[in-house]
N, C-alpha and C. Protein backbone atom coordinates (compact mmCIF):
# COMPACT_ATOMS: atom_id res chain seq x y z
N UNK A 1 100.21 42.67 116.17
CA UNK A 1 99.65 41.62 116.94
C UNK A 1 98.66 40.93 116.10
N UNK A 2 98.30 39.70 116.51
CA UNK A 2 97.43 38.93 115.73
C UNK A 2 96.28 38.40 116.57
N UNK A 3 95.11 38.48 116.06
CA UNK A 3 93.98 37.79 116.73
C UNK A 3 93.73 36.54 115.91
N UNK A 4 93.68 35.42 116.58
CA UNK A 4 93.52 34.11 115.97
C UNK A 4 92.09 33.70 116.01
N UNK A 5 91.61 33.15 114.91
CA UNK A 5 90.30 32.54 114.87
C UNK A 5 90.32 31.17 115.45
N UNK A 6 91.58 30.61 115.69
CA UNK A 6 91.69 29.32 116.21
C UNK A 6 92.55 29.41 117.46
N UNK A 7 92.70 28.32 118.22
CA UNK A 7 93.46 28.32 119.44
C UNK A 7 94.95 28.26 119.12
N UNK A 8 95.70 29.17 119.70
CA UNK A 8 97.14 29.20 119.54
C UNK A 8 97.76 29.45 120.93
N UNK A 9 98.96 28.88 121.14
CA UNK A 9 99.59 28.99 122.43
C UNK A 9 100.85 29.77 122.33
N UNK A 10 101.16 30.51 123.42
CA UNK A 10 102.40 31.20 123.49
C UNK A 10 103.54 30.20 123.71
N UNK A 11 104.62 30.38 122.94
CA UNK A 11 105.69 29.43 123.05
C UNK A 11 106.50 29.55 124.32
N UNK A 12 106.33 30.66 125.06
CA UNK A 12 107.08 30.86 126.31
C UNK A 12 106.29 30.31 127.48
N UNK A 13 105.03 30.74 127.68
CA UNK A 13 104.26 30.40 128.88
C UNK A 13 103.27 29.28 128.59
N UNK A 14 102.96 28.98 127.35
CA UNK A 14 101.99 27.90 127.05
C UNK A 14 100.54 28.32 127.17
N UNK A 15 100.26 29.59 127.51
CA UNK A 15 98.89 30.02 127.66
C UNK A 15 98.27 30.29 126.31
N UNK A 16 96.97 30.47 126.26
CA UNK A 16 96.21 30.73 125.03
C UNK A 16 95.65 32.12 125.11
N UNK A 17 96.49 33.22 124.87
CA UNK A 17 95.96 34.53 125.06
C UNK A 17 95.11 34.97 123.89
N UNK A 18 94.42 36.10 124.05
CA UNK A 18 93.62 36.69 122.97
C UNK A 18 94.48 37.27 121.89
N UNK A 19 95.62 37.85 122.27
CA UNK A 19 96.60 38.48 121.36
C UNK A 19 97.95 37.80 121.42
N UNK A 20 98.58 37.68 120.24
CA UNK A 20 99.92 37.10 120.17
C UNK A 20 100.79 37.97 119.28
N UNK A 21 102.07 37.90 119.38
CA UNK A 21 103.00 38.61 118.53
C UNK A 21 103.97 37.58 117.93
N UNK A 22 104.20 37.78 116.59
CA UNK A 22 105.14 36.86 115.90
C UNK A 22 106.54 37.12 116.48
N UNK A 23 107.20 36.00 116.94
CA UNK A 23 108.52 36.16 117.50
C UNK A 23 109.60 35.39 116.74
N UNK A 24 109.17 34.49 115.80
CA UNK A 24 110.14 33.72 115.08
C UNK A 24 109.55 33.13 113.85
N UNK A 25 110.27 33.18 112.77
CA UNK A 25 109.78 32.57 111.49
C UNK A 25 110.68 31.42 111.18
N UNK A 26 110.10 30.26 111.03
CA UNK A 26 110.88 29.01 110.71
C UNK A 26 110.90 28.88 109.19
N UNK A 27 112.11 28.90 108.61
CA UNK A 27 112.31 28.73 107.19
C UNK A 27 112.56 27.20 106.92
N UNK A 28 111.91 26.66 105.93
CA UNK A 28 112.14 25.30 105.51
C UNK A 28 112.48 25.32 104.02
N UNK A 29 112.85 24.23 103.47
CA UNK A 29 113.12 24.12 102.08
C UNK A 29 111.88 24.38 101.19
N UNK A 30 110.70 24.12 101.75
CA UNK A 30 109.46 24.35 101.00
C UNK A 30 108.90 25.72 101.24
N UNK A 31 109.54 26.53 102.10
CA UNK A 31 109.03 27.83 102.36
C UNK A 31 108.86 28.12 103.86
N UNK A 32 108.36 29.27 104.24
CA UNK A 32 108.24 29.57 105.67
C UNK A 32 107.06 28.79 106.30
N UNK A 33 107.21 28.46 107.57
CA UNK A 33 106.11 27.83 108.28
C UNK A 33 105.26 28.99 108.91
N UNK A 34 104.18 28.60 109.56
CA UNK A 34 103.31 29.67 110.13
C UNK A 34 104.00 30.56 111.12
N UNK A 35 105.06 30.16 111.74
CA UNK A 35 105.84 30.93 112.67
C UNK A 35 105.54 30.59 114.11
N UNK A 36 106.29 31.19 115.01
CA UNK A 36 106.10 30.98 116.44
C UNK A 36 105.62 32.31 117.04
N UNK A 37 104.72 32.22 117.98
CA UNK A 37 104.14 33.42 118.59
C UNK A 37 104.20 33.41 120.11
N UNK A 38 104.17 34.60 120.68
CA UNK A 38 104.23 34.74 122.13
C UNK A 38 103.30 35.86 122.58
N UNK A 39 102.95 35.85 123.89
CA UNK A 39 102.18 36.94 124.47
C UNK A 39 102.95 38.24 124.29
N UNK A 40 102.30 39.31 124.00
CA UNK A 40 103.05 40.60 123.76
C UNK A 40 103.90 40.95 124.99
N UNK A 41 103.33 40.82 126.21
CA UNK A 41 104.08 41.10 127.43
C UNK A 41 103.74 40.06 128.48
N UNK A 42 104.67 39.52 129.18
CA UNK A 42 106.07 39.76 129.14
C UNK A 42 106.82 38.77 128.26
N UNK A 43 106.07 37.80 127.74
CA UNK A 43 106.76 36.65 127.05
C UNK A 43 107.55 36.99 125.79
N UNK A 44 107.08 37.92 124.95
CA UNK A 44 107.84 38.28 123.79
C UNK A 44 109.16 38.89 124.20
N UNK A 45 109.18 39.68 125.24
CA UNK A 45 110.38 40.28 125.74
C UNK A 45 111.35 39.25 126.29
N UNK A 46 110.83 38.24 126.95
CA UNK A 46 111.66 37.14 127.44
C UNK A 46 112.28 36.37 126.28
N UNK A 47 111.52 36.08 125.22
CA UNK A 47 112.00 35.33 124.03
C UNK A 47 113.07 36.21 123.31
N UNK A 48 112.91 37.54 123.30
CA UNK A 48 113.87 38.41 122.64
C UNK A 48 115.23 38.33 123.23
N UNK A 49 115.37 37.90 124.51
CA UNK A 49 116.60 37.74 125.16
C UNK A 49 117.32 36.41 124.86
N UNK A 50 116.59 35.50 124.21
CA UNK A 50 117.20 34.23 123.89
C UNK A 50 118.15 34.32 122.67
N UNK A 51 119.09 33.40 122.56
CA UNK A 51 119.99 33.46 121.44
C UNK A 51 119.28 33.13 120.05
N UNK A 52 118.11 32.62 120.14
CA UNK A 52 117.36 32.22 118.96
C UNK A 52 116.52 33.37 118.40
N UNK A 53 116.40 34.50 119.17
CA UNK A 53 115.56 35.60 118.74
C UNK A 53 116.10 36.30 117.54
N UNK A 54 115.32 36.59 116.49
CA UNK A 54 115.79 37.35 115.36
C UNK A 54 116.05 38.79 115.66
N UNK A 55 116.93 39.44 114.96
CA UNK A 55 117.28 40.87 115.24
C UNK A 55 116.06 41.74 115.09
N UNK A 56 115.11 41.42 114.15
CA UNK A 56 113.94 42.30 113.93
C UNK A 56 113.00 42.30 115.14
N UNK A 57 113.03 41.26 115.97
CA UNK A 57 112.16 41.31 117.10
C UNK A 57 112.37 42.39 118.08
N UNK A 58 113.65 42.78 118.28
CA UNK A 58 114.00 43.86 119.18
C UNK A 58 113.38 45.19 118.62
N UNK A 59 113.48 45.35 117.33
CA UNK A 59 112.93 46.58 116.71
C UNK A 59 111.41 46.62 116.89
N UNK A 60 110.73 45.48 116.71
CA UNK A 60 109.30 45.46 116.84
C UNK A 60 108.90 45.79 118.25
N UNK A 61 109.60 45.23 119.21
CA UNK A 61 109.23 45.45 120.64
C UNK A 61 109.56 46.88 121.06
N UNK A 62 110.61 47.45 120.52
CA UNK A 62 111.03 48.86 120.84
C UNK A 62 110.01 49.88 120.24
N UNK A 63 109.45 49.61 119.08
CA UNK A 63 108.64 50.56 118.41
C UNK A 63 107.18 50.43 118.60
N UNK A 64 106.69 49.49 119.39
CA UNK A 64 105.31 49.28 119.60
C UNK A 64 105.03 49.26 121.07
N UNK A 65 103.88 49.81 121.44
CA UNK A 65 103.45 49.72 122.85
C UNK A 65 102.32 48.65 122.88
N UNK A 66 102.39 47.78 123.88
CA UNK A 66 101.43 46.67 124.02
C UNK A 66 100.60 46.86 125.28
């Protein structure tokens, strides 16, 4: 989980929580972007069900308690 010194929003609910979890890394020709983040629960789990969710997200959610 990440604590942000700046304001960041969950890509699922749009809220600005204290803690976020990385749910997607956007690769570009110039390198990776900062990534997309979601609330640990329940939003990260909702995003994990989408066809855009990376395989590693399921492992992260299964191996960590939030």
